Amino acid sequence: MKLKHILSLVVVFFSSLMMSAQEESFNEKPNEPTKVKSGFLIFESSPSGAQVFITQNGEERYEGETPFQKKLPYGTYNYRIKKSRYHDEVGVAVVDNTRVVQNIKLRPTFGTLKVTTKPSGAKVTLESDGRSFTSPCEIENIPSGEDYVSIVSPRYSSLRNKVLIQDGQVTPLDVMLDARFAQVTIYTLPDAKITINGEQRGVGSFVGELDEGIYDVEVSLAQHRSVTHQIEVVAKQPQTILINPTPIYGSLDVITTPMYAEVEINGKSYGTTPTTIENLLVGDYDVVLRKDGYPIQSRRVTVTENNLSILEIELSQGRKMTISSDGQGDEVYVDGLKL
């Protein structure tokens, strides 16, 4: 009886264990998938339009251009931002929020050259690309590094300068140009014409800048022998020159009967007759003779080079004439001559 009772208890115990296991299996819930967190990775760049590369699973892949956005699982990502004429920007972005923004300022691989010249107006040429400007000027978008600039201006020495262009910087270049001319001053007689290399450049005087070189200067004046003078102009060496044409003279004898008539030539008094007037410039002259009690006499004479011209006149007494006027200060002319 005892053995039977024990066996019965064992059967009941195992039965209850099996029922309990079945109840637990019925109450157990099915497995649910684990939820993966993710967020937006945003790239903004200045300037925009840069290429975005992101490394995932050890592979760098092109993803798009800035402004750029992409939803990625939480995690750490290597990136590279690339744009022509700018340095590549690399870094690590950690996506641990619903939106992660990366603002990238790209560093240019070019700079600007600012050129000023004295005097201004020179032609400035960048040798690397052949672009030309007029000073003062700013030449933009020059690749960083060494470059050469040529500067040319009429009447000044040409220059070739080496410049160092730095990333994003404005490089100044101030140039004083060497003149290839000098100031020349020429003085002569008031009405004399000044001709330089066949071109009339002044009357009485010339003040101006001439390029370095040899010049033929001619000074001419009526009743004078022209003078030609050769000058050499040296850059930045001013010079002053006096050039007078050579006067051409003749002489004139004035003789009257009776003597002691007043002699006037072209409005200037030359004493009384008889007289020899030396050093008269060649040419035509109006000679007026006056003597009390005699009519005024006028003659035109020609004086020639190195010759003695003679004017001999017999004054006629004529008739006495009285002229009256009712206007005070009136002037009287006879045969065009003022009495």
Protein backbone atom coordinates (compact mmCIF):
# COMPACT_ATOMS: atom_id res chain seq x y z
CA MET A 1 0.00 0.00 0.00
CA LYS A 2 2.75 2.34 0.74
CA LEU A 3 4.51 1.81 -2.57
CA LYS A 4 1.29 2.32 -4.47
CA HIS A 5 0.64 5.55 -2.67
CA ILE A 6 4.11 6.87 -3.37
CA LEU A 7 3.86 6.11 -7.09
CA SER A 8 0.57 7.90 -7.22
CA LEU A 9 2.05 11.01 -5.65
CA VAL A 10 4.94 10.99 -8.16
CA VAL A 11 2.52 10.82 -11.10
CA VAL A 12 0.51 13.76 -9.74
CA PHE A 13 3.68 15.84 -9.25
CA PHE A 14 4.94 15.38 -12.79
CA SER A 15 1.48 16.01 -14.18
CA SER A 16 1.31 19.34 -12.36
CA LEU A 17 4.77 20.30 -13.68
CA MET A 18 3.74 19.58 -17.23
CA MET A 19 0.52 21.56 -16.89
CA SER A 20 2.45 24.50 -15.41
CA ALA A 21 4.93 24.43 -18.33
CA GLN A 22 2.07 24.36 -20.83
CA GLU A 23 0.40 27.33 -19.13
CA GLU A 24 3.63 29.32 -19.30
CA SER A 25 4.07 28.51 -22.99
CA PHE A 26 0.53 29.71 -23.68
CA ASN A 27 1.06 32.95 -21.71
CA GLU A 28 4.44 33.83 -23.40
CA LYS A 29 4.28 36.85 -25.98
CA PRO A 30 5.82 36.59 -29.47
CA ASN A 31 9.28 38.35 -30.10
CA GLU A 32 9.01 42.02 -31.34
CA PRO A 33 11.72 43.60 -33.74
CA THR A 34 14.13 46.10 -32.07
CA LYS A 35 13.45 49.78 -33.19
CA VAL A 36 16.58 51.60 -34.74
CA LYS A 37 16.92 55.35 -33.97
CA SER A 38 17.87 57.72 -36.79
CA GLY A 39 18.20 61.45 -37.51
CA PHE A 40 18.84 63.93 -40.32
CA LEU A 41 22.42 64.86 -41.15
CA ILE A 42 22.51 68.31 -42.80
CA PHE A 43 25.48 70.00 -44.49
CA GLU A 44 25.51 73.72 -45.30
CA SER A 45 28.57 75.22 -47.01
CA SER A 46 29.80 78.68 -47.89
CA PRO A 47 29.87 78.89 -50.83
CA SER A 48 27.18 76.36 -51.63
CA GLY A 49 27.30 73.77 -54.37
CA ALA A 50 30.03 71.67 -52.73
CA GLN A 51 30.10 67.88 -53.16
CA VAL A 52 29.34 65.77 -50.09
CA PHE A 53 31.08 62.42 -49.53
CA ILE A 54 30.14 60.19 -46.54
CA THR A 55 31.99 57.06 -45.43
CA GLN A 56 29.76 54.11 -44.45
CA ASN A 57 30.94 50.58 -43.84
CA GLY A 58 34.45 51.66 -44.74
CA GLU A 59 33.46 53.00 -48.16
CA GLU A 60 33.37 56.69 -49.14
CA ARG A 61 30.44 57.47 -51.38
CA TYR A 62 29.25 60.64 -53.12
CA GLU A 63 25.90 61.66 -51.63
CA GLY A 64 25.02 65.00 -53.23
CA GLU A 65 25.75 68.74 -53.10
CA THR A 66 25.26 71.38 -50.45
CA PRO A 67 22.81 72.33 -49.15
CA PHE A 68 22.50 68.61 -48.33
CA GLN A 69 20.24 66.48 -46.07
CA LYS A 70 19.98 62.75 -45.45
CA LYS A 71 18.43 60.58 -42.74
CA LEU A 72 20.95 58.22 -41.18
CA PRO A 73 20.98 55.84 -38.23
CA TYR A 74 22.49 57.15 -35.04
CA GLY A 75 26.22 56.80 -35.26
CA THR A 76 29.53 58.40 -36.23
CA TYR A 77 30.28 59.25 -39.85
CA ASN A 78 33.39 60.49 -41.63
CA TYR A 79 32.71 63.09 -44.29
CA ARG A 80 34.55 65.06 -46.97
CA ILE A 81 33.28 68.29 -48.55
CA LYS A 82 34.81 69.10 -51.94
CA LYS A 83 34.50 72.04 -54.33
CA SER A 84 36.66 73.14 -57.23
CA ARG A 85 39.14 75.91 -56.33
CA TYR A 86 38.59 75.34 -52.60
CA HIS A 87 40.42 73.16 -50.10
CA ASP A 88 38.74 69.84 -49.20
CA GLU A 89 37.18 69.91 -45.74
CA VAL A 90 37.12 66.61 -43.83
CA GLY A 91 35.69 65.77 -40.45
CA VAL A 92 33.50 63.53 -38.30
CA ALA A 93 29.77 64.01 -37.81
CA VAL A 94 27.93 62.34 -34.92
CA VAL A 95 24.26 61.66 -35.56
CA ASP A 96 22.71 61.46 -32.09
CA ASN A 97 19.64 63.63 -32.51
CA THR A 98 16.74 64.08 -34.86
CA ARG A 99 18.67 66.77 -36.78
CA VAL A 100 22.41 67.42 -36.86
CA VAL A 101 23.64 70.46 -38.85
CA GLN A 102 27.23 70.92 -40.05
CA ASN A 103 28.09 74.45 -41.28
CA ILE A 104 31.25 74.33 -43.42
CA LYS A 105 33.16 77.45 -44.48
CA LEU A 106 35.29 76.47 -47.44
CA ARG A 107 38.79 77.87 -47.69
CA PRO A 108 39.62 79.21 -51.17
CA THR A 109 42.71 78.15 -53.07
CA PHE A 110 42.87 81.56 -54.72
CA GLY A 111 43.33 85.22 -53.79
CA THR A 112 43.17 88.78 -55.11
CA LEU A 113 45.91 91.12 -56.35
CA LYS A 114 45.39 94.86 -55.86
CA VAL A 115 47.65 96.94 -58.14
CA THR A 116 48.24 100.68 -57.92
CA THR A 117 50.76 102.55 -60.06
CA LYS A 118 52.09 106.07 -60.06
CA PRO A 119 51.14 107.45 -62.44
CA SER A 120 47.89 105.54 -62.91
CA GLY A 121 46.60 104.27 -66.23
CA ALA A 122 49.24 101.59 -66.75
CA LYS A 123 48.39 98.30 -68.46
CA VAL A 124 48.60 95.44 -65.94
CA THR A 125 48.78 91.88 -67.32
CA LEU A 126 48.65 88.69 -65.24
CA GLU A 127 51.05 86.29 -66.96
CA SER A 128 49.42 83.06 -65.74
CA ASP A 129 46.17 83.60 -67.64
CA GLY A 130 46.81 86.67 -69.82
CA ARG A 131 44.13 88.85 -68.24
CA SER A 132 44.81 92.59 -68.63
CA PHE A 133 43.56 95.55 -66.60
CA THR A 134 44.21 99.28 -66.24
CA SER A 135 45.66 100.52 -62.95
CA PRO A 136 44.44 101.00 -60.31
CA CYS A 137 42.78 97.59 -60.43
CA GLU A 138 41.92 94.44 -58.46
CA ILE A 139 42.55 91.09 -60.13
CA GLU A 140 40.40 88.41 -58.51
CA ASN A 141 40.38 84.61 -58.59
CA ILE A 142 44.13 84.14 -58.97
CA PRO A 143 45.30 80.63 -57.95
CA SER A 144 47.34 80.71 -54.76
CA GLY A 145 51.10 80.64 -55.16
CA GLU A 146 53.68 82.59 -57.14
CA ASP A 147 52.69 84.51 -60.24
CA TYR A 148 54.09 87.28 -62.41
CA VAL A 149 52.61 90.63 -63.40
CA SER A 150 53.83 92.83 -66.25
CA ILE A 151 53.19 96.58 -66.10
CA VAL A 152 53.48 98.75 -69.21
CA SER A 153 52.85 102.47 -69.58
CA PRO A 154 53.78 104.79 -72.47
CA ARG A 155 56.81 106.97 -71.68
CA TYR A 156 57.68 104.87 -68.60
CA SER A 157 59.95 101.88 -68.08
CA SER A 158 58.17 98.52 -68.23
CA LEU A 159 58.21 96.27 -65.17
CA ARG A 160 57.81 92.55 -64.44
CA ASN A 161 57.01 91.76 -60.80
CA LYS A 162 56.78 88.44 -58.98
CA VAL A 163 53.83 88.26 -56.57
CA LEU A 164 52.80 85.72 -53.94
CA ILE A 165 49.05 85.07 -53.87
CA GLN A 166 47.68 83.68 -50.60
CA ASP A 167 44.43 81.83 -49.89
CA GLY A 168 41.55 84.29 -49.58
CA GLN A 169 43.88 87.25 -49.12
CA VAL A 170 44.21 90.58 -50.97
CA THR A 171 47.86 91.08 -51.95
CA PRO A 172 48.78 94.76 -52.50
CA LEU A 173 51.27 95.80 -55.19
CA ASP A 174 52.25 99.48 -55.28
CA VAL A 175 54.56 100.49 -58.11
CA MET A 176 56.36 103.76 -58.86
CA LEU A 177 57.05 103.82 -62.59
CA ASP A 178 60.35 105.23 -63.86
CA ALA A 179 59.85 108.06 -66.34
CA ARG A 180 61.55 107.84 -69.73
CA PHE A 181 61.17 111.57 -70.36
CA ALA A 182 62.27 114.91 -68.95
CA GLN A 183 60.95 118.47 -68.83
CA VAL A 184 62.49 120.76 -71.40
CA THR A 185 62.20 124.57 -71.33
CA ILE A 186 63.16 126.65 -74.36
CA TYR A 187 63.26 130.45 -74.32
CA THR A 188 63.67 132.70 -77.35
CA LEU A 189 62.55 136.10 -78.69
CA PRO A 190 58.86 136.93 -78.07
CA ASP A 191 57.57 136.33 -81.62
CA ALA A 192 59.98 133.61 -82.66
CA LYS A 193 58.52 130.24 -83.67
CA ILE A 194 59.91 127.11 -82.01
CA THR A 195 59.88 123.93 -84.09
CA ILE A 196 60.88 120.55 -82.64
CA ASN A 197 61.60 117.74 -85.11
CA GLY A 198 59.66 119.61 -87.77
CA GLU A 199 56.58 120.34 -85.64
CA GLN A 200 55.85 123.83 -84.32
CA ARG A 201 55.59 123.59 -80.52
CA GLY A 202 55.53 127.20 -79.34
CA VAL A 203 56.03 130.92 -79.94
CA GLY A 204 58.46 132.79 -77.72
CA SER A 205 58.85 129.82 -75.36
CA PHE A 206 58.22 126.11 -74.92
CA VAL A 207 57.76 124.21 -71.68
CA GLY A 208 56.92 120.52 -71.93
CA GLU A 209 57.93 116.91 -71.49
CA LEU A 210 59.95 115.19 -74.19
CA ASP A 211 60.76 111.50 -74.37
CA GLU A 212 64.40 110.60 -74.02
CA GLY A 213 66.28 110.91 -77.30
CA ILE A 214 67.84 113.38 -79.76
CA TYR A 215 65.82 116.35 -81.04
CA ASP A 216 66.38 119.06 -83.66
CA VAL A 217 65.12 122.42 -82.42
CA GLU A 218 64.70 125.29 -84.89
CA VAL A 219 63.88 128.88 -83.94
CA SER A 220 62.75 131.24 -86.71
CA LEU A 221 61.66 134.88 -86.85
CA ALA A 222 61.08 137.36 -89.66
CA GLN A 223 64.12 139.57 -90.38
CA HIS A 224 66.26 137.01 -88.56
CA ARG A 225 68.33 134.06 -89.63
CA SER A 226 66.84 130.81 -88.30
CA VAL A 227 68.92 128.88 -85.78
CA THR A 228 68.90 125.08 -85.47
CA HIS A 229 70.07 123.47 -82.27
CA GLN A 230 70.29 119.74 -81.44
CA ILE A 231 69.47 118.68 -77.90
CA GLU A 232 69.64 115.36 -76.10
CA VAL A 233 66.90 114.55 -73.63
CA VAL A 234 67.93 112.26 -70.78
CA ALA A 235 65.19 110.69 -68.69
CA LYS A 236 64.38 112.58 -65.48
CA GLN A 237 66.99 115.27 -66.19
CA PRO A 238 65.23 118.62 -66.83
CA GLN A 239 67.00 121.25 -68.91
CA THR A 240 66.52 124.90 -69.87
CA ILE A 241 67.79 126.28 -73.17
CA LEU A 242 68.02 129.80 -74.60
CA ILE A 243 68.01 129.93 -78.41
CA ASN A 244 67.74 133.24 -80.24
CA PRO A 245 67.62 133.60 -84.01
CA THR A 246 70.34 135.80 -85.54
CA PRO A 247 69.12 139.26 -86.64
CA ILE A 248 69.85 140.32 -90.24
CA TYR A 249 70.90 143.97 -90.41
CA GLY A 250 71.37 146.71 -92.97
CA SER A 251 71.96 150.49 -92.78
CA LEU A 252 70.14 153.61 -93.98
CA ASP A 253 71.37 157.10 -94.78
CA VAL A 254 68.70 159.81 -94.64
CA ILE A 255 69.66 163.11 -96.26
CA THR A 256 67.46 166.18 -96.75
CA THR A 257 67.84 169.61 -98.23
CA PRO A 258 67.63 171.71 -96.19
CA MET A 259 69.12 169.79 -93.29
CA TYR A 260 67.82 169.15 -89.76
CA ALA A 261 64.54 167.55 -90.67
CA GLU A 262 63.19 165.19 -87.99
CA VAL A 263 63.40 161.54 -89.00
CA GLU A 264 60.75 159.06 -87.92
CA ILE A 265 60.86 155.41 -89.01
CA ASN A 266 57.90 153.13 -88.31
CA GLY A 267 56.80 155.51 -85.54
CA LYS A 268 60.19 155.74 -83.84
CA SER A 269 62.31 158.91 -83.79
CA TYR A 270 65.87 158.74 -85.16
CA GLY A 271 67.07 162.34 -84.72
CA THR A 272 67.52 164.82 -87.55
CA THR A 273 69.05 164.76 -90.98
CA PRO A 274 71.60 164.07 -92.17
CA THR A 275 71.91 160.75 -90.30
CA THR A 276 73.09 157.20 -90.76
CA ILE A 277 70.95 154.60 -89.02
CA GLU A 278 72.91 151.44 -88.32
CA ASN A 279 71.62 147.99 -87.49
CA LEU A 280 68.21 148.26 -89.03
CA LEU A 281 66.64 144.85 -89.50
CA VAL A 282 66.18 144.05 -93.15
CA GLY A 283 62.77 144.81 -94.58
CA ASP A 284 60.52 147.65 -95.67
CA TYR A 285 60.17 150.82 -93.62
CA ASP A 286 58.01 153.96 -93.73
CA VAL A 287 60.20 157.05 -93.27
CA VAL A 288 58.51 160.33 -92.27
CA LEU A 289 60.38 163.67 -92.42
CA ARG A 290 59.20 166.80 -90.60
CA LYS A 291 60.62 170.31 -90.64
CA ASP A 292 58.96 173.55 -89.66
CA GLY A 293 57.84 175.54 -92.65
CA TYR A 294 57.90 172.50 -94.95
CA PRO A 295 55.25 169.96 -95.81
CA ILE A 296 55.63 166.53 -94.20
CA GLN A 297 57.34 164.07 -96.50
CA SER A 298 56.84 160.29 -96.42
CA ARG A 299 58.83 157.65 -98.28
CA ARG A 300 58.98 153.84 -98.21
CA VAL A 301 62.45 152.33 -98.26
CA THR A 302 63.83 148.80 -98.30
CA VAL A 303 66.78 147.80 -96.14
CA THR A 304 68.78 144.80 -97.33
CA GLU A 305 71.37 142.65 -95.61
CA ASN A 306 74.79 144.20 -95.14
CA ASN A 307 73.92 147.05 -97.54
CA LEU A 308 73.66 150.80 -97.04
CA SER A 309 70.40 152.15 -98.40
CA ILE A 310 70.21 155.89 -99.13
CA LEU A 311 67.15 158.11 -98.89
CA GLU A 312 67.84 161.63 -100.19
CA ILE A 313 65.00 164.19 -100.36
CA GLU A 314 64.80 167.88 -101.24
CA LEU A 315 62.11 169.42 -99.08
CA SER A 316 59.82 171.82 -101.00
CA GLN A 317 58.62 174.83 -99.07
CA GLY A 318 55.09 174.66 -100.44
CA ARG A 319 52.35 176.98 -99.32
CA LYS A 320 51.28 177.90 -95.83
CA MET A 321 47.80 176.71 -94.94
CA THR A 322 45.73 177.46 -91.89
CA ILE A 323 43.24 174.89 -90.61
CA SER A 324 40.71 175.74 -87.96
CA SER A 325 38.23 173.56 -86.10
CA ASP A 326 35.43 174.25 -83.69
CA GLY A 327 36.16 171.06 -81.76
CA GLN A 328 38.83 171.13 -79.08
CA GLY A 329 41.32 168.28 -79.35
CA ASP A 330 40.59 167.43 -82.99
CA GLU A 331 43.42 165.69 -84.84
CA VAL A 332 44.57 166.77 -88.30
CA TYR A 333 45.88 164.38 -90.96
CA VAL A 334 47.37 165.27 -94.33
CA ASP A 335 47.90 162.48 -96.84
CA GLY A 336 47.26 160.03 -94.05
CA LEU A 337 49.90 161.52 -91.78
CA LYS A 338 49.09 163.10 -88.45
CA LEU A 339 50.28 166.67 -88.15
